[in-house]
Every structure is written in C-alpha cells, then in structure tokens.
C-alpha cells in the first residue's frame, strides 16, 4: 500500500469517525467537534488528491473549506452558549421547545 492510499484510508476513517460521533452523541459541543473532524477528513482527502494530480484546485477547495469551518464555528459556538445559558444543558433533546 503506497502513501496515497494510506492517506485516503486515513481521511475516510476521520470522516467516518466524525460522522459516527454526530449520529451517536447528543452533546452539542461534541457534535460540533465531530463536524470539524469530518471537515478535516475531507480536507485530507482533497490535499491527497491535489498531490496525486498535481493540481492547484484542491488547495483552493481546502482553503474554502477552512473559511467555511471558521464561519461555522464563529456562528455556532455563540448560539450553543446562549442555549446553554437558557436551558443549563448541552443535551440536544432539551432544545425540543425551540421547534417551530
């Protein structure tokens, strides 16, 4: 198994571990961390494809994913903190009253 295949398997494992964490866990902060793990797995796959194909488009996509992840965290963490202040819990099931 060469280096590119190993990096591809690692990126798939990171993405799968993040997806499993989002599906299984009910803690809002842990779900945010698992989403970031999924984004890092996708970034590793893009960087691996960029190095195999010798194409700069993968680097542009990685930069775009980093910008989106930063914006996601800048918006999601204050929302979670406000919800925790209101309900005194990080469990997503306690937020069911917010459904419209």
PDB file of N, CA and C in Angstrom:
ATOM      1  N   UNK A   1       0.857  -1.173   0.000  1.00  0.00           N
ATOM      2  CA  UNK A   1       0.000   0.000   0.000  1.00  0.00           C
ATOM      3  C   UNK A   1       0.903   1.237   0.000  1.00  0.00           C
ATOM      4  N   UNK A   2       0.694   2.092  -0.967  1.00  0.00           N
ATOM      5  CA  UNK A   2       1.538   3.274  -1.041  1.00  0.00           C
ATOM      6  C   UNK A   2       0.989   4.398  -0.157  1.00  0.00           C
ATOM      7  N   UNK A   3       1.712   5.485  -0.140  1.00  0.00           N
ATOM      8  CA  UNK A   3       1.405   6.597   0.755  1.00  0.00           C
ATOM      9  C   UNK A   3       0.050   7.231   0.439  1.00  0.00           C
ATOM     10  N   UNK A   4      -0.290   7.342  -0.827  1.00  0.00           N
ATOM     11  CA  UNK A   4      -1.540   7.986  -1.216  1.00  0.00           C
ATOM     12  C   UNK A   4      -2.756   7.173  -0.777  1.00  0.00           C
ATOM     13  N   UNK A   5      -2.661   5.859  -0.914  1.00  0.00           N
ATOM     14  CA  UNK A   5      -3.767   5.019  -0.469  1.00  0.00           C
ATOM     15  C   UNK A   5      -3.920   5.072   1.047  1.00  0.00           C
ATOM     16  N   UNK A   6      -2.799   5.104   1.758  1.00  0.00           N
ATOM     17  CA  UNK A   6      -2.865   5.166   3.211  1.00  0.00           C
ATOM     18  C   UNK A   6      -3.483   6.488   3.667  1.00  0.00           C
ATOM     19  N   UNK A   7      -3.127   7.586   3.009  1.00  0.00           N
ATOM     20  CA  UNK A   7      -3.731   8.875   3.351  1.00  0.00           C
ATOM     21  C   UNK A   7      -5.213   8.910   3.001  1.00  0.00           C
ATOM     22  N   UNK A   8      -5.583   8.261   1.918  1.00  0.00           N
ATOM     23  CA  UNK A   8      -7.002   8.188   1.557  1.00  0.00           C
ATOM     24  C   UNK A   8      -7.783   7.383   2.583  1.00  0.00           C
ATOM     25  N   UNK A   9      -7.228   6.266   3.037  1.00  0.00           N
ATOM     26  CA  UNK A   9      -7.886   5.476   4.082  1.00  0.00           C
ATOM     27  C   UNK A   9      -7.971   6.265   5.383  1.00  0.00           C
ATOM     28  N   UNK A  10      -6.926   7.025   5.701  1.00  0.00           N
ATOM     29  CA  UNK A  10      -6.952   7.832   6.912  1.00  0.00           C
ATOM     30  C   UNK A  10      -8.019   8.917   6.826  1.00  0.00           C
ATOM     31  N   UNK A  11      -8.133   9.548   5.669  1.00  0.00           N
ATOM     32  CA  UNK A  11      -9.158  10.587   5.515  1.00  0.00           C
ATOM     33  C   UNK A  11     -10.555   9.993   5.606  1.00  0.00           C
ATOM     34  N   UNK A  12     -10.770   8.809   5.038  1.00  0.00           N
ATOM     35  CA  UNK A  12     -12.071   8.153   5.158  1.00  0.00           C
ATOM     36  C   UNK A  12     -12.357   7.748   6.598  1.00  0.00           C
ATOM     37  N   UNK A  13     -11.318   7.313   7.329  1.00  0.00           N
ATOM     38  CA  UNK A  13     -11.509   6.939   8.726  1.00  0.00           C
ATOM     39  C   UNK A  13     -11.860   8.165   9.569  1.00  0.00           C
ATOM     40  N   UNK A  14     -11.189   9.289   9.333  1.00  0.00           N
ATOM     41  CA  UNK A  14     -11.509  10.518  10.066  1.00  0.00           C
ATOM     42  C   UNK A  14     -12.933  10.975   9.784  1.00  0.00           C
ATOM     43  N   UNK A  15     -13.313  10.944   8.522  1.00  0.00           N
ATOM     44  CA  UNK A  15     -14.664  11.352   8.165  1.00  0.00           C
ATOM     45  C   UNK A  15     -15.694  10.416   8.794  1.00  0.00           C
ATOM     46  N   UNK A  16     -15.442   9.113   8.744  1.00  0.00           N
ATOM     47  CA  UNK A  16     -16.381   8.147   9.311  1.00  0.00           C
ATOM     48  C   UNK A  16     -16.480   8.284  10.821  1.00  0.00           C
ATOM     49  N   UNK A  17     -15.356   8.524  11.484  1.00  0.00           N
ATOM     50  CA  UNK A  17     -15.378   8.712  12.929  1.00  0.00           C
ATOM     51  C   UNK A  17     -16.161   9.966  13.305  1.00  0.00           C
ATOM     52  N   UNK A  18     -15.994  11.032  12.545  1.00  0.00           N
ATOM     53  CA  UNK A  18     -16.762  12.244  12.784  1.00  0.00           C
ATOM     54  C   UNK A  18     -18.241  12.036  12.535  1.00  0.00           C
ATOM     55  N   UNK A  19     -18.585  11.319  11.470  1.00  0.00           N
ATOM     56  CA  UNK A  19     -19.988  11.036  11.172  1.00  0.00           C
ATOM     57  C   UNK A  19     -20.618  10.177  12.265  1.00  0.00           C
ATOM     58  N   UNK A  20     -19.876   9.199  12.747  1.00  0.00           N
ATOM     59  CA  UNK A  20     -20.371   8.373  13.840  1.00  0.00           C
ATOM     60  C   UNK A  20     -20.594   9.212  15.099  1.00  0.00           C
ATOM     61  N   UNK A  21     -19.702  10.132  15.375  1.00  0.00           N
ATOM     62  CA  UNK A  21     -19.866  10.998  16.535  1.00  0.00           C
ATOM     63  C   UNK A  21     -21.068  11.910  16.419  1.00  0.00           C
ATOM     64  N   UNK A  22     -21.346  12.413  15.221  1.00  0.00           N
ATOM     65  CA  UNK A  22     -22.516  13.278  15.026  1.00  0.00           C
ATOM     66  C   UNK A  22     -23.806  12.473  15.184  1.00  0.00           C
ATOM     67  N   UNK A  23     -23.818  11.256  14.685  1.00  0.00           N
ATOM     68  CA  UNK A  23     -25.030  10.440  14.741  1.00  0.00           C
ATOM     69  C   UNK A  23     -25.277   9.912  16.154  1.00  0.00           C
ATOM     70  N   UNK A  24     -24.244   9.502  16.865  1.00  0.00           N
ATOM     71  CA  UNK A  24     -24.409   8.828  18.145  1.00  0.00           C
ATOM     72  C   UNK A  24     -24.535   9.799  19.314  1.00  0.00           C
ATOM     73  N   UNK A  25     -23.726  10.831  19.350  1.00  0.00           N
ATOM     74  CA  UNK A  25     -23.685  11.708  20.521  1.00  0.00           C
ATOM     75  C   UNK A  25     -24.815  12.723  20.507  1.00  0.00           C
ATOM     76  N   UNK A  26     -25.244  13.165  21.684  1.00  0.00           N
ATOM     77  CA  UNK A  26     -26.303  14.161  21.801  1.00  0.00           C
ATOM     78  C   UNK A  26     -25.796  15.462  22.409  1.00  0.00           C
ATOM     79  N   UNK A  27     -24.527  15.548  22.749  1.00  0.00           N
ATOM     80  CA  UNK A  27     -23.938  16.751  23.308  1.00  0.00           C
ATOM     81  C   UNK A  27     -23.635  17.728  22.171  1.00  0.00           C
ATOM     82  N   UNK A  28     -24.068  18.969  22.309  1.00  0.00           N
ATOM     83  CA  UNK A  28     -23.939  19.939  21.217  1.00  0.00           C
ATOM     84  C   UNK A  28     -22.475  20.255  20.897  1.00  0.00           C
ATOM     85  N   UNK A  29     -21.640  20.432  21.907  1.00  0.00           N
ATOM     86  CA  UNK A  29     -20.235  20.761  21.643  1.00  0.00           C
ATOM     87  C   UNK A  29     -19.482  19.590  21.039  1.00  0.00           C
ATOM     88  N   UNK A  30     -19.778  18.393  21.487  1.00  0.00           N
ATOM     89  CA  UNK A  30     -19.114  17.222  20.908  1.00  0.00           C
ATOM     90  C   UNK A  30     -19.556  17.027  19.463  1.00  0.00           C
ATOM     91  N   UNK A  31     -20.818  17.326  19.182  1.00  0.00           N
ATOM     92  CA  UNK A  31     -21.271  17.240  17.791  1.00  0.00           C
ATOM     93  C   UNK A  31     -20.554  18.264  16.913  1.00  0.00           C
ATOM     94  N   UNK A  32     -20.312  19.459  17.429  1.00  0.00           N
ATOM     95  CA  UNK A  32     -19.546  20.453  16.664  1.00  0.00           C
ATOM     96  C   UNK A  32     -18.119  19.976  16.420  1.00  0.00           C
ATOM     97  N   UNK A  33     -17.508  19.381  17.440  1.00  0.00           N
ATOM     98  CA  UNK A  33     -16.147  18.862  17.261  1.00  0.00           C
ATOM     99  C   UNK A  33     -16.122  17.724  16.244  1.00  0.00           C
ATOM    100  N   UNK A  34     -17.142  16.877  16.242  1.00  0.00           N
ATOM    101  CA  UNK A  34     -17.199  15.785  15.278  1.00  0.00           C
ATOM    102  C   UNK A  34     -17.409  16.311  13.860  1.00  0.00           C
ATOM    103  N   UNK A  35     -18.178  17.398  13.726  1.00  0.00           N
ATOM    104  CA  UNK A  35     -18.325  18.013  12.398  1.00  0.00           C
ATOM    105  C   UNK A  35     -16.989  18.564  11.909  1.00  0.00           C
ATOM    106  N   UNK A  36     -16.211  19.130  12.812  1.00  0.00           N
ATOM    107  CA  UNK A  36     -14.880  19.611  12.439  1.00  0.00           C
ATOM    108  C   UNK A  36     -13.972  18.446  12.047  1.00  0.00           C
ATOM    109  N   UNK A  37     -14.122  17.311  12.719  1.00  0.00           N
ATOM    110  CA  UNK A  37     -13.353  16.125  12.358  1.00  0.00           C
ATOM    111  C   UNK A  37     -13.728  15.650  10.954  1.00  0.00           C
ATOM    112  N   UNK A  38     -15.008  15.728  10.620  1.00  0.00           N
ATOM    113  CA  UNK A  38     -15.447  15.377   9.273  1.00  0.00           C
ATOM    114  C   UNK A  38     -14.834  16.323   8.234  1.00  0.00           C
ATOM    115  N   UNK A  39     -14.810  17.616   8.548  1.00  0.00           N
ATOM    116  CA  UNK A  39     -14.205  18.571   7.618  1.00  0.00           C
ATOM    117  C   UNK A  39     -12.709  18.327   7.457  1.00  0.00           C
ATOM    118  N   UNK A  40     -12.031  17.958   8.538  1.00  0.00           N
ATOM    119  CA  UNK A  40     -10.600  17.667   8.441  1.00  0.00           C
ATOM    120  C   UNK A  40     -10.341  16.412   7.613  1.00  0.00           C
ATOM    121  N   UNK A  41     -11.212  15.412   7.728  1.00  0.00           N
ATOM    122  CA  UNK A  41     -11.084  14.229   6.884  1.00  0.00           C
ATOM    123  C   UNK A  41     -11.274  14.568   5.416  1.00  0.00           C
ATOM    124  N   UNK A  42     -12.247  15.427   5.126  1.00  0.00           N
ATOM    125  CA  UNK A  42     -12.456  15.850   3.736  1.00  0.00           C
ATOM    126  C   UNK A  42     -11.266  16.671   3.237  1.00  0.00           C
ATOM    127  N   UNK A  43     -10.721  17.511   4.092  1.00  0.00           N
ATOM    128  CA  UNK A  43      -9.543  18.300   3.697  1.00  0.00           C
ATOM    129  C   UNK A  43      -8.347  17.411   3.400  1.00  0.00           C
ATOM    130  N   UNK A  44      -8.146  16.381   4.223  1.00  0.00           N
ATOM    131  CA  UNK A  44      -7.032  15.469   3.981  1.00  0.00           C
ATOM    132  C   UNK A  44      -7.203  14.747   2.652  1.00  0.00           C
ATOM    133  N   UNK A  45      -8.424  14.355   2.333  1.00  0.00           N
ATOM    134  CA  UNK A  45      -8.685  13.730   1.032  1.00  0.00           C
ATOM    135  C   UNK A  45      -8.435  14.684  -0.121  1.00  0.00           C
ATOM    136  N   UNK A  46      -8.825  15.951   0.041  1.00  0.00           N
ATOM    137  CA  UNK A  46      -8.575  16.939  -1.017  1.00  0.00           C
ATOM    138  C   UNK A  46      -7.083  17.202  -1.208  1.00  0.00           C
ATOM    139  N   UNK A  47      -6.353  17.310  -0.116  1.00  0.00           N
ATOM    140  CA  UNK A  47      -4.900  17.536  -0.216  1.00  0.00           C
ATOM    141  C   UNK A  47      -4.227  16.330  -0.855  1.00  0.00           C
ATOM    142  N   UNK A  48      -4.692  15.136  -0.516  1.00  0.00           N
ATOM    143  CA  UNK A  48      -4.140  13.924  -1.114  1.00  0.00           C
ATOM    144  C   UNK A  48      -4.409  13.899  -2.616  1.00  0.00           C
ATOM    145  N   UNK A  49      -5.627  14.231  -3.020  1.00  0.00           N
ATOM    146  CA  UNK A  49      -5.946  14.275  -4.454  1.00  0.00           C
ATOM    147  C   UNK A  49      -5.145  15.355  -5.163  1.00  0.00           C
ATOM    148  N   UNK A  50      -4.915  16.477  -4.463  1.00  0.00           N
ATOM    149  CA  UNK A  50      -4.127  17.548  -5.062  1.00  0.00           C
ATOM    150  C   UNK A  50      -2.690  17.097  -5.297  1.00  0.00           C
ATOM    151  N   UNK A  51      -2.144  16.341  -4.350  1.00  0.00           N
ATOM    152  CA  UNK A  51      -0.759  15.913  -4.513  1.00  0.00           C
ATOM    153  C   UNK A  51      -0.630  14.816  -5.563  1.00  0.00           C
ATOM    154  N   UNK A  52      -1.654  13.992  -5.730  1.00  0.00           N
ATOM    155  CA  UNK A  52      -1.609  12.953  -6.762  1.00  0.00           C
ATOM    156  C   UNK A  52      -1.740  13.565  -8.148  1.00  0.00           C
ATOM    157  N   UNK A  53      -2.692  14.476  -8.323  1.00  0.00           N
ATOM    158  CA  UNK A  53      -2.968  15.058  -9.638  1.00  0.00           C
ATOM    159  C   UNK A  53      -2.100  16.254  -9.981  1.00  0.00           C
ATOM    160  N   UNK A  54      -1.361  16.757  -9.012  1.00  0.00           N
ATOM    161  CA  UNK A  54      -0.529  17.954  -9.209  1.00  0.00           C
ATOM    162  C   UNK A  54      -1.365  19.121  -9.720  1.00  0.00           C
ATOM    163  N   UNK A  55      -2.508  19.313  -9.058  1.00  0.00           N
ATOM    164  CA  UNK A  55      -3.458  20.351  -9.459  1.00  0.00           C
ATOM    165  C   UNK A  55      -3.682  21.295  -8.292  1.00  0.00           C
ATOM    166  N   UNK A  56      -3.758  22.589  -8.576  1.00  0.00           N
ATOM    167  CA  UNK A  56      -3.929  23.585  -7.520  1.00  0.00           C
ATOM    168  C   UNK A  56      -5.384  23.757  -7.100  1.00  0.00           C
ATOM    169  N   UNK A  57      -6.312  23.159  -7.813  1.00  0.00           N
ATOM    170  CA  UNK A  57      -7.723  23.305  -7.472  1.00  0.00           C
ATOM    171  C   UNK A  57      -8.034  22.694  -6.107  1.00  0.00           C
ATOM    172  N   UNK A  58      -7.352  21.627  -5.743  1.00  0.00           N
ATOM    173  CA  UNK A  58      -7.560  21.032  -4.426  1.00  0.00           C
ATOM    174  C   UNK A  58      -7.156  21.974  -3.304  1.00  0.00           C
ATOM    175  N   UNK A  59      -6.087  22.731  -3.498  1.00  0.00           N
ATOM    176  CA  UNK A  59      -5.659  23.708  -2.499  1.00  0.00           C
ATOM    177  C   UNK A  59      -6.676  24.823  -2.329  1.00  0.00           C
ATOM    178  N   UNK A  60      -7.285  25.230  -3.416  1.00  0.00           N
ATOM    179  CA  UNK A  60      -8.318  26.266  -3.348  1.00  0.00           C
ATOM    180  C   UNK A  60      -9.532  25.741  -2.596  1.00  0.00           C
ATOM    181  N   UNK A  61      -9.910  24.493  -2.854  1.00  0.00           N
ATOM    182  CA  UNK A  61     -11.039  23.896  -2.146  1.00  0.00           C
ATOM    183  C   UNK A  61     -10.741  23.735  -0.655  1.00  0.00           C
ATOM    184  N   UNK A  62      -9.508  23.361  -0.313  1.00  0.00           N
ATOM    185  CA  UNK A  62      -9.137  23.241   1.097  1.00  0.00           C
ATOM    186  C   UNK A  62      -9.240  24.597   1.780  1.00  0.00           C
ATOM    187  N   UNK A  63      -8.766  25.637   1.121  1.00  0.00           N
ATOM    188  CA  UNK A  63      -8.876  26.983   1.689  1.00  0.00           C
ATOM    189  C   UNK A  63     -10.338  27.372   1.873  1.00  0.00           C
ATOM    190  N   UNK A  64     -11.188  27.037   0.904  1.00  0.00           N
ATOM    191  CA  UNK A  64     -12.609  27.334   1.005  1.00  0.00           C
ATOM    192  C   UNK A  64     -13.249  26.586   2.174  1.00  0.00           C
ATOM    193  N   UNK A  65     -12.872  25.324   2.371  1.00  0.00           N
ATOM    194  CA  UNK A  65     -13.418  24.542   3.484  1.00  0.00           C
ATOM    195  C   UNK A  65     -12.966  25.131   4.812  1.00  0.00           C
ATOM    196  N   UNK A  66     -11.715  25.595   4.896  1.00  0.00           N
ATOM    197  CA  UNK A  66     -11.248  26.236   6.132  1.00  0.00           C
ATOM    198  C   UNK A  66     -12.039  27.511   6.426  1.00  0.00           C
ATOM    199  N   UNK A  67     -12.349  28.288   5.405  1.00  0.00           N
ATOM    200  CA  UNK A  67     -13.126  29.513   5.604  1.00  0.00           C
ATOM    201  C   UNK A  67     -14.541  29.172   6.071  1.00  0.00           C
ATOM    202  N   UNK A  68     -15.148  28.159   5.469  1.00  0.00           N
ATOM    203  CA  UNK A  68     -16.488  27.753   5.874  1.00  0.00           C
ATOM    204  C   UNK A  68     -16.483  27.212   7.299  1.00  0.00           C
ATOM    205  N   UNK A  69     -15.469  26.444   7.663  1.00  0.00           N
ATOM    206  CA  UNK A  69     -15.381  25.901   9.019  1.00  0.00           C
ATOM    207  C   UNK A  69     -15.205  27.014  10.046  1.00  0.00           C
ATOM    208  N   UNK A  70     -14.434  28.020   9.711  1.00  0.00           N
ATOM    209  CA  UNK A  70     -14.247  29.147  10.619  1.00  0.00           C
ATOM    210  C   UNK A  70     -15.556  29.914  10.798  1.00  0.00           C
ATOM    211  N   UNK A  71     -16.263  30.134   9.712  1.00  0.00           N
ATOM    212  CA  UNK A  71     -17.554  30.826   9.812  1.00  0.00           C
ATOM    213  C   UNK A  71     -18.563  29.993  10.598  1.00  0.00           C
ATOM    214  N   UNK A  72     -18.535  28.689  10.401  1.00  0.00           N
ATOM    215  CA  UNK A  72     -19.439  27.809  11.150  1.00  0.00           C
ATOM    216  C   UNK A  72     -19.177  27.907  12.646  1.00  0.00           C
ATOM    217  N   UNK A  73     -17.930  27.863  13.027  1.00  0.00           N
ATOM    218  CA  UNK A  73     -17.604  27.952  14.454  1.00  0.00           C
ATOM    219  C   UNK A  73     -17.905  29.330  15.020  1.00  0.00           C
ATOM    220  N   UNK A  74     -17.681  30.357  14.233  1.00  0.00           N
ATOM    221  CA  UNK A  74     -17.947  31.718  14.715  1.00  0.00           C
ATOM    222  C   UNK A  74     -19.434  31.943  14.953  1.00  0.00           C
ATOM    223  N   UNK A  75     -20.282  31.212  14.244  1.00  0.00           N
ATOM    224  CA  UNK A  75     -21.726  31.356  14.425  1.00  0.00           C
ATOM    225  C   UNK A  75     -22.274  30.324  15.405  1.00  0.00           C
ATOM    226  N   UNK A  76     -21.796  29.089  15.330  1.00  0.00           N
ATOM    227  CA  UNK A  76     -22.389  28.008  16.114  1.00  0.00           C
ATOM    228  C   UNK A  76     -22.045  28.081  17.599  1.00  0.00           C
ATOM    229  N   UNK A  77     -20.828  28.418  17.943  1.00  0.00           N
ATOM    230  CA  UNK A  77     -20.450  28.422  19.358  1.00  0.00           C
ATOM    231  C   UNK A  77     -21.214  29.477  20.155  1.00  0.00           C
ATOM    232  N   UNK A  78     -21.373  30.707  19.680  1.00  0.00           N
ATOM    233  CA  UNK A  78     -22.213  31.640  20.458  1.00  0.00           C
ATOM    234  C   UNK A  78     -23.671  31.189  20.579  1.00  0.00           C
ATOM    235  N   UNK A  79     -24.212  30.559  19.536  1.00  0.00           N
ATOM    236  CA  UNK A  79     -25.580  30.059  19.624  1.00  0.00           C
ATOM    237  C   UNK A  79     -25.679  28.961  20.676  1.00  0.00           C
ATOM    238  N   UNK A  80     -24.728  28.051  20.691  1.00  0.00           N
ATOM    239  CA  UNK A  80     -24.729  26.982  21.692  1.00  0.00           C
ATOM    240  C   UNK A  80     -24.574  27.560  23.089  1.00  0.00           C
ATOM    241  N   UNK A  81     -23.712  28.549  23.245  1.00  0.00           N
ATOM    242  CA  UNK A  81     -23.531  29.157  24.566  1.00  0.00           C
ATOM    243  C   UNK A  81     -24.805  29.856  25.048  1.00  0.00           C
ATOM    244  N   UNK A  82     -25.512  30.522  24.152  1.00  0.00           N
ATOM    245  CA  UNK A  82     -26.781  31.133  24.541  1.00  0.00           C
ATOM    246  C   UNK A  82     -27.829  30.081  24.927  1.00  0.00           C
ATOM    247  N   UNK A  83     -27.860  28.978  24.201  1.00  0.00           N
ATOM    248  CA  UNK A  83     -28.792  27.911  24.542  1.00  0.00           C
ATOM    249  C   UNK A  83     -28.439  27.261  25.877  1.00  0.00           C
ATOM    250  N   UNK A  84     -27.144  27.124  26.152  1.00  0.00           N
ATOM    251  CA  UNK A  84     -26.724  26.547  27.432  1.00  0.00           C
ATOM    252  C   UNK A  84     -27.089  27.483  28.571  1.00  0.00           C
ATOM    253  N   UNK A  85     -26.952  28.775  28.375  1.00  0.00           N
ATOM    254  CA  UNK A  85     -27.364  29.725  29.398  1.00  0.00           C
ATOM    255  C   UNK A  85     -28.854  29.637  29.694  1.00  0.00           C
ATOM    256  N   UNK A  86     -29.622  29.371  28.645  1.00  0.00           N
ATOM    257  CA  UNK A  86     -31.081  29.331  28.808  1.00  0.00           C
ATOM    258  C   UNK A  86     -31.552  28.028  29.455  1.00  0.00           C
ATOM    259  N   UNK A  87     -31.008  26.897  29.019  1.00  0.00           N
ATOM    260  CA  UNK A  87     -31.507  25.605  29.489  1.00  0.00           C
ATOM    261  C   UNK A  87     -30.594  24.924  30.502  1.00  0.00           C
ATOM    262  N   UNK A  88     -29.384  25.404  30.692  1.00  0.00           N
ATOM    263  CA  UNK A  88     -28.408  24.810  31.613  1.00  0.00           C
ATOM    264  C   UNK A  88     -28.066  23.366  31.249  1.00  0.00           C
ATOM    265  N   UNK A  89     -28.068  23.069  29.943  1.00  0.00           N
ATOM    266  CA  UNK A  89     -27.752  21.718  29.497  1.00  0.00           C
ATOM    267  C   UNK A  89     -27.171  21.772  28.090  1.00  0.00           C
ATOM    268  N   UNK A  90     -26.277  20.831  27.799  1.00  0.00           N
ATOM    269  CA  UNK A  90     -25.737  20.707  26.448  1.00  0.00           C
ATOM    270  C   UNK A  90     -26.437  19.623  25.639  1.00  0.00           C
ATOM    271  N   UNK A  91     -27.389  18.933  26.243  1.00  0.00           N
ATOM    272  CA  UNK A  91     -28.102  17.864  25.568  1.00  0.00           C
ATOM    273  C   UNK A  91     -29.075  18.451  24.550  1.00  0.00           C
ATOM    274  N   UNK A  92     -29.035  17.940  23.336  1.00  0.00           N
ATOM    275  CA  UNK A  92     -29.878  18.488  22.269  1.00  0.00           C
ATOM    276  C   UNK A  92     -31.355  18.181  22.470  1.00  0.00           C
ATOM    277  N   UNK A  93     -31.690  17.163  23.240  1.00  0.00           N
ATOM    278  CA  UNK A  93     -33.096  16.838  23.464  1.00  0.00           C
ATOM    279  C   UNK A  93     -33.803  17.898  24.302  1.00  0.00           C
ATOM    280  N   UNK A  94     -33.058  18.670  25.089  1.00  0.00           N
ATOM    281  CA  UNK A  94     -33.685  19.723  25.897  1.00  0.00           C
ATOM    282  C   UNK A  94     -34.062  20.935  25.056  1.00  0.00           C
ATOM    283  N   UNK A  95     -33.600  20.981  23.826  1.00  0.00           N
ATOM    284  CA  UNK A  95     -33.900  22.106  22.942  1.00  0.00           C
ATOM    285  C   UNK A  95     -35.129  21.849  22.093  1.00  0.00           C
ATOM    286  N   UNK A  96     -35.929  20.843  22.419  1.00  0.00           N
ATOM    287  CA  UNK A  96     -37.094  20.498  21.594  1.00  0.00           C
ATOM    288  C   UNK A  96     -38.170  21.584  21.635  1.00  0.00           C
ATOM    289  N   UNK A  97     -38.164  22.429  22.674  1.00  0.00           N
ATOM    290  CA  UNK A  97     -39.153  23.507  22.748  1.00  0.00           C
ATOM    291  C   UNK A  97     -38.893  24.594  21.716  1.00  0.00           C
ATOM    292  N   UNK A  98     -37.714  24.595  21.086  1.00  0.00           N
ATOM    293  CA  UNK A  98     -37.392  25.607  20.101  1.00  0.00           C
ATOM    294  C   UNK A  98     -37.958  25.290  18.726  1.00  0.00           C
ATOM    295  N   UNK A  99     -38.503  24.096  18.558  1.00  0.00           N
ATOM    296  CA  UNK A  99     -39.073  23.727  17.263  1.00  0.00           C
ATOM    297  C   UNK A  99     -40.301  24.574  16.980  1.00  0.00           C
ATOM    298  N   UNK A 100     -40.412  25.053  15.743  1.00  0.00           N
ATOM    299  CA  UNK A 100     -41.483  25.977  15.405  1.00  0.00           C
ATOM    300  C   UNK A 100     -42.688  25.392  14.866  1.00  0.00           C
TER     301      UNK A 100
END
